[in-house]
Amino acid sequence: MMKADPGRFDGVTLGIDFGTTNTVLSVASPDGTAAVLSLSKDGKEITGYRSVLSFWQDRETGHRTYESGPWAMDAFVNAPHSTRMLQSFKSFAASKSFVDTPVFGKRFKFEDILQTFLESVAARLGDKLPARKNRVVIGRPVIFAGASPDEQLAMQRYEKAFRAFGFTDIHYVYEPVAAAYFYAQELKADSTVLVADFGGGTSDFSIVKFEVGKDGLSFAPMSQTGVGIAGDTFDYRIIDNAVSPLLGKNGEYKSFGKKLPVPRHYYANFARWNTLFLMNSPATIRELTDLAKQAVDPQPLEHFINLIENDYGYEIYRAVSDLKIRLSSDRMSAFRFRADDFEIRTDITRNDFENWISDDVRQIGRSVDQAVEKAGLDFADIDRVFLTGGTSFVPVIRTIFESRFSKAMVTSSNQFDSIATGLALIGQDADIARWAVKALPAKL
């Protein structure tokens, strides 16, 4: 076992939970206290800062301007046709196929996007953000999002971005380990804890054994597993199964006297937020317009083109997210979306939703099983299960844990603060290397 408090770090530490959907920052002091950094927006304090960037050009100077978080979303909603919004860009971190993307005459690599996002957040925080020379502990998923994620590439990109921002004392810790450490602060007795962290792009699982003694908290990390399936995947299933068929998916078009299916790759891109912004290009719009002219039923494709050209993606994804929340408590809910001249209407049952995500749920369950197996434990050996993230409230997801760990205390939290606060507190350990994942060298 390792002691969590053999000696304190003698400075301020910053924990950064850079998430697919939200980013949270927390600061810890040598006295053991931690506080999440917040910003005021429309009279409310914000701690879950949306991982969004919007770019636009100043009309008078032509200079490229950008904003992040809720201000970026405001800029996009107010002027969608002249604003370029990037969301869920964390999901590109481990993708070899993503090299860069053009933004008003400049090509941005992943590390450029992340650095720009950090600079914008820092500008908003001002003096609240500790000096960049201080120790920073950054969360990272156990498995990065994507079909074939390249972990080394992702970590190299992280290193480039955070060092270009100005950090020098950088450490990486698995996100579920940080959540486990946060949860363990309230333990009164020895416990073996499984933490399930459901983010936007990945679901990560960690098992840690904690002992509570007179000298403080002792810990032994036992296993970590993860899978690139989470909240964004569930959104994809809803759009692909309920929305896209109303926009021409499964339709047909005529070519040289034959009826052919409308290519499905357009709808695969449409159903993923992180690829949707790539669709609004002259080439794609031209291809879809040609298909609509030859379609057996052109109207759904015309609506599809309207949604893409007029940047309705954000509104659709917000409606899908709201639907998913309602289905956690209701057996059936209505999906409604209104554009300029048409409306999408369909009723969706919880049973529909659970059927669409059944393969994803099985993969999540297998990853949980692997965490227990890698730790050399049985289900009965787990004393406590801590579920964090919005997806943990989906009933079929909670069933994964309640059915396996019937003897354990299973608790859920949609608390944004747990990982960031755990990271900042871990940073206060003088022997930070015991917690940290070795960073892969950046090719600068």
Protein backbone atom coordinates (compact mmCIF):
# COMPACT_ATOMS: atom_id res chain seq x y z
CA MET A 1 0.00 0.00 0.00
CA MET A 2 1.09 3.60 -0.63
CA LYS A 3 0.46 6.54 1.66
CA ALA A 4 -1.45 9.39 0.02
CA ASP A 5 0.03 11.97 2.38
CA PRO A 6 3.68 11.15 3.13
CA GLY A 7 4.46 14.81 2.61
CA ARG A 8 2.77 17.79 1.06
CA PHE A 9 3.77 19.59 -2.07
CA ASP A 10 4.66 23.12 -1.01
CA GLY A 11 2.83 25.01 -3.74
CA VAL A 12 -0.50 25.55 -5.43
CA THR A 13 -1.60 22.82 -7.85
CA LEU A 14 -4.02 23.07 -10.76
CA GLY A 15 -6.20 20.16 -11.87
CA ILE A 16 -7.61 20.23 -15.41
CA ASP A 17 -10.39 17.88 -16.46
CA PHE A 18 -10.38 18.53 -20.22
CA GLY A 19 -13.51 16.74 -21.37
CA THR A 20 -15.23 16.09 -24.66
CA THR A 21 -18.27 18.08 -23.54
CA ASN A 22 -17.09 20.16 -20.57
CA THR A 23 -13.79 21.33 -19.09
CA VAL A 24 -13.40 21.91 -15.34
CA LEU A 25 -10.44 23.45 -13.50
CA SER A 26 -9.73 23.16 -9.79
CA VAL A 27 -7.02 24.63 -7.57
CA ALA A 28 -5.64 22.94 -4.42
CA SER A 29 -3.50 24.51 -1.69
CA PRO A 30 -0.90 22.95 0.64
CA ASP A 31 -3.45 23.05 3.47
CA GLY A 32 -5.43 20.35 1.65
CA THR A 33 -8.32 22.53 0.50
CA ALA A 34 -9.48 22.67 -3.10
CA ALA A 35 -11.79 24.99 -5.01
CA VAL A 36 -13.26 24.71 -8.48
CA LEU A 37 -12.70 27.78 -10.65
CA SER A 38 -15.94 29.39 -11.75
CA LEU A 39 -17.02 32.12 -14.14
CA SER A 40 -20.07 34.35 -14.07
CA LYS A 41 -22.42 34.14 -17.05
CA ASP A 42 -25.82 35.85 -17.12
CA GLY A 43 -25.87 36.06 -13.34
CA LYS A 44 -24.95 32.41 -12.82
CA GLU A 45 -21.68 30.81 -11.75
CA ILE A 46 -20.34 28.28 -14.28
CA THR A 47 -17.95 25.49 -13.31
CA GLY A 48 -18.61 23.07 -16.20
CA TYR A 49 -17.03 25.16 -18.98
CA ARG A 50 -18.19 23.88 -22.38
CA SER A 51 -15.33 22.53 -24.53
CA VAL A 52 -16.31 24.65 -27.51
CA LEU A 53 -14.49 27.13 -29.73
CA SER A 54 -16.10 29.56 -32.16
CA PHE A 55 -14.25 31.63 -34.75
CA TRP A 56 -15.44 34.57 -36.80
CA GLN A 57 -13.91 37.46 -38.75
CA ASP A 58 -14.19 41.05 -37.63
CA ARG A 59 -16.18 42.89 -40.30
CA GLU A 60 -14.04 46.00 -40.15
CA THR A 61 -10.52 44.61 -39.79
CA GLY A 62 -10.98 41.12 -41.23
CA HIS A 63 -9.02 39.74 -38.26
CA ARG A 64 -9.89 36.27 -37.01
CA THR A 65 -11.58 36.41 -33.58
CA TYR A 66 -12.45 33.54 -31.28
CA GLU A 67 -14.31 32.75 -28.10
CA SER A 68 -14.79 29.62 -25.99
CA GLY A 69 -17.33 28.02 -23.68
CA PRO A 70 -20.86 29.45 -23.44
CA TRP A 71 -19.71 32.67 -25.10
CA ALA A 72 -18.66 30.63 -28.13
CA MET A 73 -22.11 29.05 -28.23
CA ASP A 74 -23.73 32.48 -28.04
CA ALA A 75 -21.63 33.70 -30.95
CA PHE A 76 -22.67 30.73 -33.05
CA VAL A 77 -26.38 31.00 -32.22
CA ASN A 78 -26.35 34.74 -33.00
CA ALA A 79 -24.54 34.40 -36.34
CA PRO A 80 -24.41 30.74 -37.45
CA HIS A 81 -23.65 31.52 -41.09
CA SER A 82 -20.54 33.57 -40.35
CA THR A 83 -19.25 31.58 -37.35
CA ARG A 84 -17.17 28.42 -37.35
CA MET A 85 -17.84 26.38 -34.21
CA LEU A 86 -15.67 23.44 -33.11
CA GLN A 87 -17.11 21.13 -30.47
CA SER A 88 -16.09 17.69 -29.14
CA PHE A 89 -12.61 18.27 -30.56
CA LYS A 90 -11.09 16.07 -27.84
CA SER A 91 -12.43 13.12 -29.83
CA PHE A 92 -9.86 13.95 -32.55
CA ALA A 93 -6.86 13.77 -30.19
CA ALA A 94 -5.95 10.17 -31.01
CA SER A 95 -7.04 10.21 -34.65
CA LYS A 96 -4.32 9.75 -37.28
CA SER A 97 -6.77 10.75 -40.00
CA PHE A 98 -7.27 14.20 -38.47
CA VAL A 99 -4.34 16.36 -39.53
CA ASP A 100 -5.81 19.85 -39.43
CA THR A 101 -8.89 21.87 -40.31
CA PRO A 102 -9.15 25.25 -42.09
CA VAL A 103 -10.49 28.20 -40.09
CA PHE A 104 -10.76 31.46 -42.03
CA GLY A 105 -7.53 31.04 -43.95
CA LYS A 106 -5.47 29.28 -41.26
CA ARG A 107 -5.09 25.54 -40.78
CA PHE A 108 -5.43 24.41 -37.18
CA LYS A 109 -3.90 21.17 -35.93
CA PHE A 110 -5.37 19.51 -32.84
CA GLU A 111 -2.72 21.06 -30.61
CA ASP A 112 -3.47 24.50 -32.10
CA ILE A 113 -7.17 24.09 -31.29
CA LEU A 114 -6.45 22.97 -27.72
CA GLN A 115 -3.94 25.75 -27.11
CA THR A 116 -6.37 28.35 -28.47
CA PHE A 117 -9.08 26.96 -26.21
CA LEU A 118 -6.78 27.17 -23.17
CA GLU A 119 -5.80 30.75 -24.00
CA SER A 120 -9.45 31.75 -24.27
CA VAL A 121 -10.34 30.08 -20.95
CA ALA A 122 -7.33 31.77 -19.30
CA ALA A 123 -8.42 35.15 -20.61
CA ARG A 124 -11.85 34.65 -19.07
CA LEU A 125 -10.43 33.46 -15.73
CA GLY A 126 -7.87 36.24 -15.41
CA ASP A 127 -6.21 36.32 -11.99
CA LYS A 128 -8.21 33.26 -10.85
CA LEU A 129 -5.90 31.04 -12.89
CA PRO A 130 -2.64 30.19 -11.05
CA ALA A 131 0.65 31.19 -12.67
CA ARG A 132 1.65 28.80 -15.43
CA LYS A 133 4.85 27.88 -13.59
CA ASN A 134 2.79 26.00 -10.97
CA ARG A 135 2.28 22.24 -11.02
CA VAL A 136 -0.58 21.14 -13.27
CA VAL A 137 -2.22 17.71 -13.21
CA ILE A 138 -4.20 16.87 -16.32
CA GLY A 139 -6.75 14.10 -16.62
CA ARG A 140 -6.58 11.67 -19.49
CA PRO A 141 -8.93 8.83 -20.48
CA VAL A 142 -7.87 5.22 -20.08
CA ILE A 143 -8.83 4.64 -23.73
CA PHE A 144 -9.03 7.57 -26.12
CA ALA A 145 -12.11 7.98 -28.32
CA GLY A 146 -12.15 6.77 -31.91
CA ALA A 147 -12.22 3.59 -33.96
CA SER A 148 -8.44 3.03 -33.82
CA PRO A 149 -7.12 5.52 -31.27
CA ASP A 150 -3.38 6.22 -31.29
CA GLU A 151 -2.50 6.85 -27.63
CA GLN A 152 1.04 8.01 -28.36
CA LEU A 153 -0.20 10.53 -30.92
CA ALA A 154 -2.82 11.84 -28.48
CA MET A 155 -0.29 12.31 -25.68
CA GLN A 156 2.17 14.02 -28.01
CA ARG A 157 -0.57 16.44 -29.04
CA TYR A 158 -1.50 17.07 -25.40
CA GLU A 159 2.14 17.79 -24.53
CA LYS A 160 2.57 20.21 -27.42
CA ALA A 161 -0.60 22.12 -26.54
CA PHE A 162 -0.03 22.40 -22.78
CA ARG A 163 3.65 23.30 -23.15
CA ALA A 164 2.88 25.87 -25.86
CA PHE A 165 0.36 27.35 -23.41
CA GLY A 166 3.20 27.81 -20.93
CA PHE A 167 2.94 24.92 -18.46
CA THR A 168 6.24 23.26 -17.55
CA ASP A 169 5.53 21.10 -14.48
CA ILE A 170 3.01 18.79 -16.20
CA HIS A 171 1.63 15.45 -14.94
CA TYR A 172 -1.07 13.16 -16.32
CA VAL A 173 -3.42 11.01 -14.24
CA TYR A 174 -6.16 8.66 -15.42
CA GLU A 175 -9.53 10.39 -15.07
CA PRO A 176 -11.26 7.56 -13.14
CA VAL A 177 -8.31 7.40 -10.72
CA ALA A 178 -8.82 11.10 -9.98
CA ALA A 179 -12.55 10.50 -9.48
CA ALA A 180 -11.73 7.61 -7.11
CA TYR A 181 -9.42 9.84 -5.09
CA PHE A 182 -12.11 12.51 -4.85
CA TYR A 183 -14.67 9.93 -3.72
CA ALA A 184 -12.27 8.40 -1.18
CA GLN A 185 -12.04 11.64 0.79
CA GLU A 186 -15.34 10.70 2.46
CA LEU A 187 -14.41 7.10 3.30
CA LYS A 188 -14.53 6.16 6.99
CA ALA A 189 -13.46 2.53 6.56
CA ASP A 190 -11.23 0.44 4.31
CA SER A 191 -12.88 -0.07 0.93
CA THR A 192 -12.26 -1.49 -2.52
CA VAL A 193 -13.84 1.03 -4.88
CA LEU A 194 -14.80 0.77 -8.54
CA VAL A 195 -15.22 4.14 -10.23
CA ALA A 196 -17.04 4.42 -13.55
CA ASP A 197 -16.48 7.74 -15.30
CA PHE A 198 -18.89 8.31 -18.19
CA GLY A 199 -17.80 11.23 -20.34
CA GLY A 200 -18.83 12.42 -23.76
CA GLY A 201 -16.32 10.34 -25.74
CA THR A 202 -15.14 7.53 -23.46
CA SER A 203 -16.25 5.44 -20.50
CA ASP A 204 -13.41 4.64 -18.08
CA PHE A 205 -13.30 2.24 -15.15
CA SER A 206 -10.84 2.08 -12.28
CA ILE A 207 -10.55 -0.13 -9.20
CA VAL A 208 -8.62 1.25 -6.24
CA LYS A 209 -8.15 -0.25 -2.78
CA PHE A 210 -8.21 2.36 0.00
CA GLU A 211 -7.22 1.95 3.66
CA VAL A 212 -8.13 4.50 6.31
CA GLY A 213 -5.52 4.66 9.09
CA LYS A 214 -4.27 7.02 11.75
CA ASP A 215 -1.62 8.33 9.34
CA GLY A 216 -4.16 9.18 6.68
CA LEU A 217 -5.41 7.54 3.50
CA SER A 218 -3.45 4.72 1.87
CA PHE A 219 -4.19 3.46 -1.60
CA ALA A 220 -3.32 0.79 -4.14
CA PRO A 221 -4.49 1.19 -7.76
CA MET A 222 -5.54 -2.28 -8.94
CA SER A 223 -6.76 -1.91 -12.53
CA GLN A 224 -7.93 0.50 -15.21
CA THR A 225 -9.97 -0.24 -18.33
CA GLY A 226 -11.91 1.87 -20.78
CA VAL A 227 -13.93 1.88 -23.97
CA GLY A 228 -14.54 4.56 -26.60
CA ILE A 229 -18.30 4.53 -26.02
CA ALA A 230 -20.14 7.15 -23.96
CA GLY A 231 -22.72 9.92 -24.15
CA ASP A 232 -21.84 11.03 -27.69
CA THR A 233 -22.32 7.45 -28.93
CA PHE A 234 -25.81 7.32 -27.44
CA ASP A 235 -26.65 10.63 -29.12
CA TYR A 236 -25.42 9.12 -32.39
CA ARG A 237 -27.78 6.15 -32.01
CA ILE A 238 -30.79 8.41 -31.49
CA ILE A 239 -29.99 10.58 -34.51
CA ASP A 240 -29.10 7.65 -36.74
CA ASN A 241 -32.22 5.66 -35.89
CA ALA A 242 -34.86 8.33 -35.31
CA VAL A 243 -33.80 11.55 -37.05
CA SER A 244 -31.79 10.60 -40.14
CA PRO A 245 -34.55 8.38 -41.65
CA LEU A 246 -36.75 11.50 -41.73
CA LEU A 247 -34.01 13.30 -43.68
CA GLY A 248 -33.52 10.85 -46.52
CA LYS A 249 -31.61 7.97 -44.97
CA ASN A 250 -32.85 4.66 -46.46
CA GLY A 251 -34.25 6.65 -49.41
CA GLU A 252 -33.54 5.99 -53.08
CA TYR A 253 -32.51 7.96 -56.14
CA LYS A 254 -32.65 7.18 -59.85
CA SER A 255 -29.52 6.75 -61.95
CA PHE A 256 -29.48 5.46 -65.54
CA GLY A 257 -32.89 3.89 -65.08
CA LYS A 258 -32.01 2.13 -61.83
CA LYS A 259 -33.03 2.86 -58.25
CA LEU A 260 -30.06 3.09 -55.90
CA PRO A 261 -29.89 3.71 -52.14
CA VAL A 262 -28.87 7.18 -50.98
CA PRO A 263 -25.24 6.78 -49.72
CA ARG A 264 -25.24 6.31 -45.97
CA HIS A 265 -21.89 7.95 -45.28
CA TYR A 266 -23.58 11.36 -45.30
CA TYR A 267 -25.73 10.29 -42.36
CA ALA A 268 -22.83 8.75 -40.47
CA ASN A 269 -21.14 12.16 -40.52
CA PHE A 270 -24.38 13.97 -39.71
CA ALA A 271 -25.02 11.81 -36.63
CA ARG A 272 -21.65 12.65 -35.06
CA TRP A 273 -21.21 16.16 -33.75
CA ASN A 274 -17.44 16.08 -34.22
CA THR A 275 -17.80 15.42 -37.98
CA LEU A 276 -20.98 17.39 -38.66
CA PHE A 277 -19.11 20.67 -39.12
CA LEU A 278 -17.10 19.07 -41.95
CA MET A 279 -20.26 18.55 -44.00
CA ASN A 280 -20.98 22.20 -44.70
CA SER A 281 -18.66 22.41 -47.67
CA PRO A 282 -19.45 23.34 -51.28
CA ALA A 283 -18.54 19.84 -52.51
CA THR A 284 -20.84 18.04 -50.05
CA ILE A 285 -23.75 20.42 -50.62
CA ARG A 286 -23.34 20.02 -54.38
CA GLU A 287 -23.39 16.22 -54.10
CA LEU A 288 -26.50 16.23 -51.93
CA THR A 289 -28.26 18.71 -54.22
CA ASP A 290 -27.62 16.41 -57.19
CA LEU A 291 -28.98 13.46 -55.21
CA ALA A 292 -32.11 15.41 -54.26
CA LYS A 293 -32.80 16.19 -57.93
CA GLN A 294 -32.75 12.46 -58.71
CA ALA A 295 -34.40 11.23 -55.50
CA VAL A 296 -37.63 9.26 -55.56
CA ASP A 297 -38.79 11.48 -52.67
CA PRO A 298 -36.70 14.68 -52.79
CA GLN A 299 -38.24 16.52 -49.83
CA PRO A 300 -36.39 14.70 -47.02
CA LEU A 301 -33.06 15.36 -48.75
CA GLU A 302 -33.99 18.99 -49.27
CA HIS A 303 -34.64 19.29 -45.54
CA PHE A 304 -31.31 17.57 -44.89
CA ILE A 305 -29.49 20.13 -47.04
CA ASN A 306 -31.34 22.94 -45.25
CA LEU A 307 -30.15 21.68 -41.84
CA ILE A 308 -26.53 21.48 -42.98
CA GLU A 309 -26.40 24.80 -44.83
CA ASN A 310 -28.10 26.70 -42.03
CA ASP A 311 -26.01 25.10 -39.26
CA TYR A 312 -28.88 23.59 -37.31
CA GLY A 313 -26.63 20.88 -35.90
CA TYR A 314 -26.26 22.47 -32.47
CA GLU A 315 -30.02 22.82 -32.00
CA ILE A 316 -30.59 19.20 -33.06
CA TYR A 317 -27.97 17.87 -30.67
CA ARG A 318 -29.39 19.93 -27.83
CA ALA A 319 -32.84 18.46 -28.54
CA VAL A 320 -31.36 14.95 -28.60
CA SER A 321 -29.56 15.51 -25.29
CA ASP A 322 -32.78 16.76 -23.69
CA LEU A 323 -34.63 13.70 -25.01
CA LYS A 324 -32.01 11.36 -23.58
CA ILE A 325 -32.40 12.97 -20.15
CA ARG A 326 -36.19 12.62 -20.28
CA LEU A 327 -35.95 8.93 -21.22
CA SER A 328 -33.98 8.29 -18.01
CA SER A 329 -37.19 8.92 -16.07
CA ASP A 330 -39.98 8.53 -18.65
CA ARG A 331 -40.95 5.42 -20.61
CA MET A 332 -41.67 7.50 -23.73
CA SER A 333 -40.87 11.01 -24.85
CA ALA A 334 -41.42 13.17 -27.91
CA PHE A 335 -38.58 14.43 -30.08
CA ARG A 336 -39.47 17.76 -31.67
CA PHE A 337 -37.30 20.01 -33.80
CA ARG A 338 -38.47 22.98 -35.86
CA ALA A 339 -36.46 24.60 -38.64
CA ASP A 340 -37.45 27.55 -40.81
CA ASP A 341 -40.00 25.77 -42.96
CA PHE A 342 -40.38 22.23 -41.61
CA GLU A 343 -40.56 20.24 -38.40
CA ILE A 344 -39.17 16.89 -37.32
CA ARG A 345 -41.59 15.03 -35.06
CA THR A 346 -41.31 11.53 -33.67
CA ASP A 347 -42.11 9.69 -30.45
CA ILE A 348 -39.36 7.53 -28.93
CA THR A 349 -39.78 4.95 -26.19
CA ARG A 350 -37.15 3.97 -23.66
CA ASN A 351 -37.35 0.46 -25.12
CA ASP A 352 -36.46 1.86 -28.58
CA PHE A 353 -33.48 3.68 -27.12
CA GLU A 354 -32.27 0.63 -25.18
CA ASN A 355 -32.50 -1.53 -28.31
CA TRP A 356 -30.44 0.99 -30.29
CA ILE A 357 -27.67 1.06 -27.66
CA SER A 358 -27.76 -2.66 -26.74
CA ASP A 359 -24.42 -3.49 -28.42
CA ASP A 360 -22.81 -0.44 -26.78
CA VAL A 361 -24.12 -1.50 -23.37
CA ARG A 362 -22.66 -4.98 -23.84
CA GLN A 363 -19.25 -3.49 -24.66
CA ILE A 364 -19.41 -1.29 -21.57
CA GLY A 365 -20.31 -4.33 -19.49
CA ARG A 366 -17.37 -6.29 -20.89
CA SER A 367 -15.01 -3.43 -20.00
CA VAL A 368 -16.34 -3.45 -16.42
CA ASP A 369 -15.79 -7.21 -16.27
CA GLN A 370 -12.23 -6.77 -17.54
CA ALA A 371 -11.51 -4.24 -14.79
CA VAL A 372 -12.56 -6.75 -12.14
CA GLU A 373 -10.64 -9.57 -13.83
CA LYS A 374 -7.46 -7.50 -14.22
CA ALA A 375 -7.62 -6.63 -10.51
CA GLY A 376 -7.75 -10.35 -9.67
CA LEU A 377 -11.07 -9.90 -7.87
CA ASP A 378 -14.60 -11.25 -7.87
CA PHE A 379 -17.68 -9.03 -8.07
CA ALA A 380 -18.33 -9.66 -4.37
CA ASP A 381 -14.92 -8.16 -3.49
CA ILE A 382 -16.04 -4.66 -4.56
CA ASP A 383 -17.32 -2.68 -1.57
CA ARG A 384 -18.40 0.51 -3.29
CA VAL A 385 -19.25 1.59 -6.83
CA PHE A 386 -19.15 5.27 -7.73
CA LEU A 387 -20.75 6.29 -11.04
CA THR A 388 -20.09 9.77 -12.37
CA GLY A 389 -21.25 11.57 -15.50
CA GLY A 390 -24.68 12.13 -17.05
CA THR A 391 -24.76 8.74 -18.79
CA SER A 392 -24.63 7.02 -15.39
CA PHE A 393 -28.30 8.01 -14.94
CA VAL A 394 -29.43 5.99 -17.98
CA PRO A 395 -31.35 3.11 -16.34
CA VAL A 396 -29.85 0.31 -18.45
CA ILE A 397 -26.34 1.58 -17.61
CA ARG A 398 -27.03 1.60 -13.88
CA THR A 399 -28.35 -1.96 -14.22
CA ILE A 400 -24.88 -3.09 -15.39
CA PHE A 401 -23.53 -2.28 -11.94
CA GLU A 402 -26.50 -3.15 -9.76
CA SER A 403 -26.72 -6.64 -11.30
CA ARG A 404 -23.00 -7.37 -10.95
CA PHE A 405 -22.25 -5.71 -7.62
CA SER A 406 -25.36 -6.59 -5.66
CA LYS A 407 -23.50 -6.44 -2.34
CA ALA A 408 -21.82 -3.11 -3.01
CA MET A 409 -23.08 0.38 -2.33
CA VAL A 410 -23.79 1.90 -5.78
CA THR A 411 -23.98 5.70 -5.92
CA SER A 412 -24.29 8.11 -8.85
CA SER A 413 -23.23 11.69 -9.32
CA ASN A 414 -23.43 14.07 -12.24
CA GLN A 415 -21.00 16.29 -10.37
CA PHE A 416 -18.71 18.12 -12.79
CA ASP A 417 -16.18 18.78 -10.07
CA SER A 418 -15.08 15.29 -9.00
CA ILE A 419 -12.30 14.62 -11.52
CA ALA A 420 -10.84 18.15 -11.57
CA THR A 421 -10.84 18.31 -7.77
CA GLY A 422 -9.29 14.85 -7.50
CA LEU A 423 -6.56 15.90 -9.94
CA ALA A 424 -5.75 19.07 -7.99
CA LEU A 425 -5.62 17.16 -4.69
CA ILE A 426 -3.42 14.43 -6.15
CA GLY A 427 -1.08 17.23 -7.24
CA GLN A 428 -0.55 18.04 -3.55
CA ASP A 429 1.14 14.66 -3.02
CA ALA A 430 4.89 15.26 -2.82
CA ASP A 431 5.43 11.97 -4.66
CA ILE A 432 3.24 12.81 -7.65
CA ALA A 433 5.02 10.22 -9.80
CA ARG A 434 3.18 7.42 -7.96
CA TRP A 435 -0.10 8.63 -9.40
CA ALA A 436 0.99 9.92 -12.77
CA VAL A 437 0.88 8.15 -16.11
CA LYS A 438 4.24 8.58 -17.82
CA ALA A 439 3.87 11.20 -20.52
CA LEU A 440 5.03 10.21 -23.96
CA PRO A 441 7.61 12.62 -25.42
CA ALA A 442 6.29 15.29 -27.73
CA LYS A 443 7.85 15.62 -31.16
CA LEU A 444 8.33 19.36 -31.02
